Amino acid sequence: MTIDELLARESIRKTLAAYNSSGDRARFDEMMEQFTEDGVIELPGGARYEGRDAIRGALSGVKDTATKAPAPAPNARPAMTFLRHNITTCHIELTGENTASVRTYYNCYTDIGPDHCGYYADTFRKVGDRWLIAHRKCRLDWSSPDSMMGGRR
């Protein structure tokens, strides 16, 4: 393995961590900086969003809705106040000088504890000196029946 390959892998890991930590803290501008301008995300259930603005609109509703929701209806789930995505096993395959295929497992915790888990199937592209997400497919492997994120397969 060369120094350039090691640097690419560490840059990819930094992007993965920044995506989750900024999203969990509702810092959506920082989260969008982890995507290429023409980035794509596919969510469980088949929704697909192209471009940073569309992705931001799709993802920002999760935390914004949870923290700014009106009073819940009787028998409704309580509002989410805690969200943490933890990434675990990460397999990075450099597929070209400026491209990589990455598969990363995640576990998500909310107020209920373990909420859902799955993996990200990503294509990364080097833009300048950064490695950014060009395409992300979020796969859901399991969700709690009480999921606060609406666990969809």
C-alpha atoms as a PDB file:
ATOM      1  CA  MET A   1       0.000   0.000   0.000  1.00  0.00           C
ATOM      2  CA  THR A   2       1.324   3.428  -0.917  1.00  0.00           C
ATOM      3  CA  ILE A   3       1.269   6.632   1.136  1.00  0.00           C
ATOM      4  CA  ASP A   4      -1.270   8.101  -1.324  1.00  0.00           C
ATOM      5  CA  GLU A   5      -3.572   5.097  -0.786  1.00  0.00           C
ATOM      6  CA  LEU A   6      -3.295   5.470   2.995  1.00  0.00           C
ATOM      7  CA  LEU A   7      -4.065   9.189   2.750  1.00  0.00           C
ATOM      8  CA  ALA A   8      -7.086   8.463   0.533  1.00  0.00           C
ATOM      9  CA  ARG A   9      -8.421   5.926   3.035  1.00  0.00           C
ATOM     10  CA  GLU A  10      -8.019   8.312   5.960  1.00  0.00           C
ATOM     11  CA  SER A  11      -9.721  11.113   4.036  1.00  0.00           C
ATOM     12  CA  ILE A  12     -12.647   8.800   3.279  1.00  0.00           C
ATOM     13  CA  ARG A  13     -12.906   7.826   6.961  1.00  0.00           C
ATOM     14  CA  LYS A  14     -12.858  11.516   7.919  1.00  0.00           C
ATOM     15  CA  THR A  15     -15.735  12.202   5.504  1.00  0.00           C
ATOM     16  CA  LEU A  16     -17.747   9.281   6.894  1.00  0.00           C
ATOM     17  CA  ALA A  17     -17.292  10.510  10.466  1.00  0.00           C
ATOM     18  CA  ALA A  18     -18.134  14.112   9.536  1.00  0.00           C
ATOM     19  CA  TYR A  19     -21.340  13.007   7.769  1.00  0.00           C
ATOM     20  CA  ASN A  20     -22.677  11.220  10.847  1.00  0.00           C
ATOM     21  CA  SER A  21     -21.470  13.584  13.556  1.00  0.00           C
ATOM     22  CA  SER A  22     -22.751  16.689  11.755  1.00  0.00           C
ATOM     23  CA  GLY A  23     -26.092  15.051  10.926  1.00  0.00           C
ATOM     24  CA  ASP A  24     -26.656  13.899  14.493  1.00  0.00           C
ATOM     25  CA  ARG A  25     -26.053  17.472  15.691  1.00  0.00           C
ATOM     26  CA  ALA A  26     -28.402  18.951  13.043  1.00  0.00           C
ATOM     27  CA  ARG A  27     -25.517  20.749  11.335  1.00  0.00           C
ATOM     28  CA  PHE A  28     -26.849  20.166   7.864  1.00  0.00           C
ATOM     29  CA  ASP A  29     -24.596  22.645   6.057  1.00  0.00           C
ATOM     30  CA  GLU A  30     -21.572  20.696   7.363  1.00  0.00           C
ATOM     31  CA  MET A  31     -23.286  17.434   6.472  1.00  0.00           C
ATOM     32  CA  MET A  32     -23.822  18.574   2.870  1.00  0.00           C
ATOM     33  CA  GLU A  33     -20.124  19.431   2.549  1.00  0.00           C
ATOM     34  CA  GLN A  34     -19.472  15.674   2.653  1.00  0.00           C
ATOM     35  CA  PHE A  35     -21.211  15.214  -0.729  1.00  0.00           C
ATOM     36  CA  THR A  36     -20.036  16.188  -4.180  1.00  0.00           C
ATOM     37  CA  GLU A  37     -22.111  19.028  -5.690  1.00  0.00           C
ATOM     38  CA  ASP A  38     -23.924  16.455  -7.849  1.00  0.00           C
ATOM     39  CA  GLY A  39     -24.100  13.860  -5.076  1.00  0.00           C
ATOM     40  CA  VAL A  40     -26.916  11.310  -4.909  1.00  0.00           C
ATOM     41  CA  ILE A  41     -28.495   9.580  -1.934  1.00  0.00           C
ATOM     42  CA  GLU A  42     -30.914   6.658  -2.062  1.00  0.00           C
ATOM     43  CA  LEU A  43     -32.868   6.008   1.118  1.00  0.00           C
ATOM     44  CA  PRO A  44     -34.621   2.853   2.324  1.00  0.00           C
ATOM     45  CA  GLY A  45     -37.987   2.612   0.625  1.00  0.00           C
ATOM     46  CA  GLY A  46     -36.642   3.790  -2.730  1.00  0.00           C
ATOM     47  CA  ALA A  47     -36.523   7.591  -2.368  1.00  0.00           C
ATOM     48  CA  ARG A  48     -33.678   9.118  -4.400  1.00  0.00           C
ATOM     49  CA  TYR A  49     -32.334  12.671  -4.120  1.00  0.00           C
ATOM     50  CA  GLU A  50     -29.801  14.335  -6.407  1.00  0.00           C
ATOM     51  CA  GLY A  51     -27.717  17.383  -5.546  1.00  0.00           C
ATOM     52  CA  ARG A  52     -26.856  18.912  -2.180  1.00  0.00           C
ATOM     53  CA  ASP A  53     -30.039  20.999  -1.915  1.00  0.00           C
ATOM     54  CA  ALA A  54     -32.320  18.016  -2.507  1.00  0.00           C
ATOM     55  CA  ILE A  55     -30.330  15.832  -0.115  1.00  0.00           C
ATOM     56  CA  ARG A  56     -30.400  18.520   2.561  1.00  0.00           C
ATOM     57  CA  GLY A  57     -34.167  18.863   2.215  1.00  0.00           C
ATOM     58  CA  ALA A  58     -34.649  15.120   2.584  1.00  0.00           C
ATOM     59  CA  LEU A  59     -32.325  14.632   5.564  1.00  0.00           C
ATOM     60  CA  SER A  60     -32.840  17.813   7.544  1.00  0.00           C
ATOM     61  CA  GLY A  61     -36.480  16.945   8.241  1.00  0.00           C
ATOM     62  CA  VAL A  62     -35.455  14.092  10.540  1.00  0.00           C
ATOM     63  CA  LYS A  63     -33.958  16.222  13.317  1.00  0.00           C
ATOM     64  CA  ASP A  64     -35.852  19.434  12.535  1.00  0.00           C
ATOM     65  CA  THR A  65     -39.164  17.612  12.860  1.00  0.00           C
ATOM     66  CA  ALA A  66     -38.027  15.877  16.035  1.00  0.00           C
ATOM     67  CA  THR A  67     -36.972  19.072  17.799  1.00  0.00           C
ATOM     68  CA  LYS A  68     -39.635  21.473  16.493  1.00  0.00           C
ATOM     69  CA  ALA A  69     -42.680  19.243  16.342  1.00  0.00           C
ATOM     70  CA  PRO A  70     -46.018  20.425  17.752  1.00  0.00           C
ATOM     71  CA  ALA A  71     -47.425  18.698  20.809  1.00  0.00           C
ATOM     72  CA  PRO A  72     -47.928  15.009  20.007  1.00  0.00           C
ATOM     73  CA  ALA A  73     -51.397  13.578  19.575  1.00  0.00           C
ATOM     74  CA  PRO A  74     -52.649  11.165  22.234  1.00  0.00           C
ATOM     75  CA  ASN A  75     -50.949   7.751  21.925  1.00  0.00           C
ATOM     76  CA  ALA A  76     -48.349   9.216  19.533  1.00  0.00           C
ATOM     77  CA  ARG A  77     -44.660   8.455  19.907  1.00  0.00           C
ATOM     78  CA  PRO A  78     -42.752  11.034  21.938  1.00  0.00           C
ATOM     79  CA  ALA A  79     -40.487  13.478  20.088  1.00  0.00           C
ATOM     80  CA  MET A  80     -36.929  12.293  19.533  1.00  0.00           C
ATOM     81  CA  THR A  81     -34.374  14.170  21.640  1.00  0.00           C
ATOM     82  CA  PHE A  82     -31.335  11.938  21.127  1.00  0.00           C
ATOM     83  CA  LEU A  83     -29.794  10.681  17.868  1.00  0.00           C
ATOM     84  CA  ARG A  84     -26.436   8.957  17.366  1.00  0.00           C
ATOM     85  CA  HIS A  85     -25.209   7.049  14.339  1.00  0.00           C
ATOM     86  CA  ASN A  86     -22.194   4.862  15.051  1.00  0.00           C
ATOM     87  CA  ILE A  87     -20.188   3.549  12.122  1.00  0.00           C
ATOM     88  CA  THR A  88     -18.324   0.281  12.487  1.00  0.00           C
ATOM     89  CA  THR A  89     -16.787  -2.016   9.876  1.00  0.00           C
ATOM     90  CA  CYS A  90     -15.637  -0.027   6.875  1.00  0.00           C
ATOM     91  CA  HIS A  91     -14.338  -1.676   3.711  1.00  0.00           C
ATOM     92  CA  ILE A  92     -12.645   0.740   1.306  1.00  0.00           C
ATOM     93  CA  GLU A  93     -11.674  -0.327  -2.200  1.00  0.00           C
ATOM     94  CA  LEU A  94      -9.859   2.256  -4.277  1.00  0.00           C
ATOM     95  CA  THR A  95     -11.241   1.731  -7.778  1.00  0.00           C
ATOM     96  CA  GLY A  96      -9.252   4.422  -9.584  1.00  0.00           C
ATOM     97  CA  GLU A  97      -6.977   7.363  -8.963  1.00  0.00           C
ATOM     98  CA  ASN A  98      -9.958   9.496  -7.920  1.00  0.00           C
ATOM     99  CA  THR A  99     -12.690   6.967  -7.101  1.00  0.00           C
ATOM    100  CA  ALA A 100     -13.455   4.471  -4.365  1.00  0.00           C
ATOM    101  CA  SER A 101     -16.165   1.984  -3.479  1.00  0.00           C
ATOM    102  CA  VAL A 102     -16.942   1.925   0.252  1.00  0.00           C
ATOM    103  CA  ARG A 103     -19.241  -0.212   2.389  1.00  0.00           C
ATOM    104  CA  THR A 104     -19.732   0.879   6.013  1.00  0.00           C
ATOM    105  CA  TYR A 105     -21.976  -0.624   8.668  1.00  0.00           C
ATOM    106  CA  TYR A 106     -23.900   1.674  11.001  1.00  0.00           C
ATOM    107  CA  ASN A 107     -25.961   1.377  14.181  1.00  0.00           C
ATOM    108  CA  CYS A 108     -28.371   4.127  15.162  1.00  0.00           C
ATOM    109  CA  TYR A 109     -29.453   4.929  18.709  1.00  0.00           C
ATOM    110  CA  THR A 110     -32.310   7.210  19.720  1.00  0.00           C
ATOM    111  CA  ASP A 111     -34.230   7.806  22.949  1.00  0.00           C
ATOM    112  CA  ILE A 112     -35.426   4.171  22.832  1.00  0.00           C
ATOM    113  CA  GLY A 113     -31.888   2.728  22.644  1.00  0.00           C
ATOM    114  CA  PRO A 114     -31.016   0.645  19.563  1.00  0.00           C
ATOM    115  CA  ASP A 115     -33.273   2.075  16.853  1.00  0.00           C
ATOM    116  CA  HIS A 116     -32.070   0.662  13.545  1.00  0.00           C
ATOM    117  CA  CYS A 117     -28.967  -0.563  11.722  1.00  0.00           C
ATOM    118  CA  GLY A 118     -27.742  -1.257   8.228  1.00  0.00           C
ATOM    119  CA  TYR A 119     -24.971  -0.174   5.917  1.00  0.00           C
ATOM    120  CA  TYR A 120     -23.988   2.570   3.521  1.00  0.00           C
ATOM    121  CA  ALA A 121     -22.952   1.481   0.024  1.00  0.00           C
ATOM    122  CA  ASP A 122     -20.984   4.478  -1.234  1.00  0.00           C
ATOM    123  CA  THR A 123     -19.085   5.682  -4.251  1.00  0.00           C
ATOM    124  CA  PHE A 124     -16.522   8.315  -3.318  1.00  0.00           C
ATOM    125  CA  ARG A 125     -14.858  10.764  -5.668  1.00  0.00           C
ATOM    126  CA  LYS A 126     -11.793  12.897  -5.018  1.00  0.00           C
ATOM    127  CA  VAL A 127     -12.566  16.599  -5.413  1.00  0.00           C
ATOM    128  CA  GLY A 128      -9.514  18.803  -4.899  1.00  0.00           C
ATOM    129  CA  ASP A 129      -7.760  17.354  -1.873  1.00  0.00           C
ATOM    130  CA  ARG A 130     -10.921  15.832  -0.328  1.00  0.00           C
ATOM    131  CA  TRP A 131     -12.713  12.540  -0.867  1.00  0.00           C
ATOM    132  CA  LEU A 132     -16.468  13.154  -0.993  1.00  0.00           C
ATOM    133  CA  ILE A 133     -19.598  11.021  -1.288  1.00  0.00           C
ATOM    134  CA  ALA A 134     -20.702  10.974  -4.927  1.00  0.00           C
ATOM    135  CA  HIS A 135     -23.401   8.338  -4.432  1.00  0.00           C
ATOM    136  CA  ARG A 136     -24.789   6.807  -1.244  1.00  0.00           C
ATOM    137  CA  LYS A 137     -27.269   3.970  -0.971  1.00  0.00           C
ATOM    138  CA  CYS A 138     -28.530   3.589   2.596  1.00  0.00           C
ATOM    139  CA  ARG A 139     -29.532   0.034   3.365  1.00  0.00           C
ATOM    140  CA  LEU A 140     -31.658  -0.876   6.368  1.00  0.00           C
ATOM    141  CA  ASP A 141     -31.055  -4.348   7.807  1.00  0.00           C
ATOM    142  CA  TRP A 142     -33.060  -4.064  11.033  1.00  0.00           C
ATOM    143  CA  SER A 143     -35.254  -1.597  12.898  1.00  0.00           C
ATOM    144  CA  SER A 144     -36.942  -1.719  16.264  1.00  0.00           C
ATOM    145  CA  PRO A 145     -40.737  -1.998  16.195  1.00  0.00           C
ATOM    146  CA  ASP A 146     -40.580   1.218  18.294  1.00  0.00           C
ATOM    147  CA  SER A 147     -38.162   2.994  15.927  1.00  0.00           C
ATOM    148  CA  MET A 148     -38.285   6.758  16.289  1.00  0.00           C
ATOM    149  CA  MET A 149     -36.930   7.131  12.751  1.00  0.00           C
ATOM    150  CA  GLY A 150     -39.779   5.215  11.156  1.00  0.00           C
ATOM    151  CA  GLY A 151     -37.629   2.208  10.199  1.00  0.00           C
ATOM    152  CA  ARG A 152     -38.420   1.442   6.560  1.00  0.00           C
ATOM    153  CA  ARG A 153     -37.013  -1.409   4.549  1.00  0.00           C
END
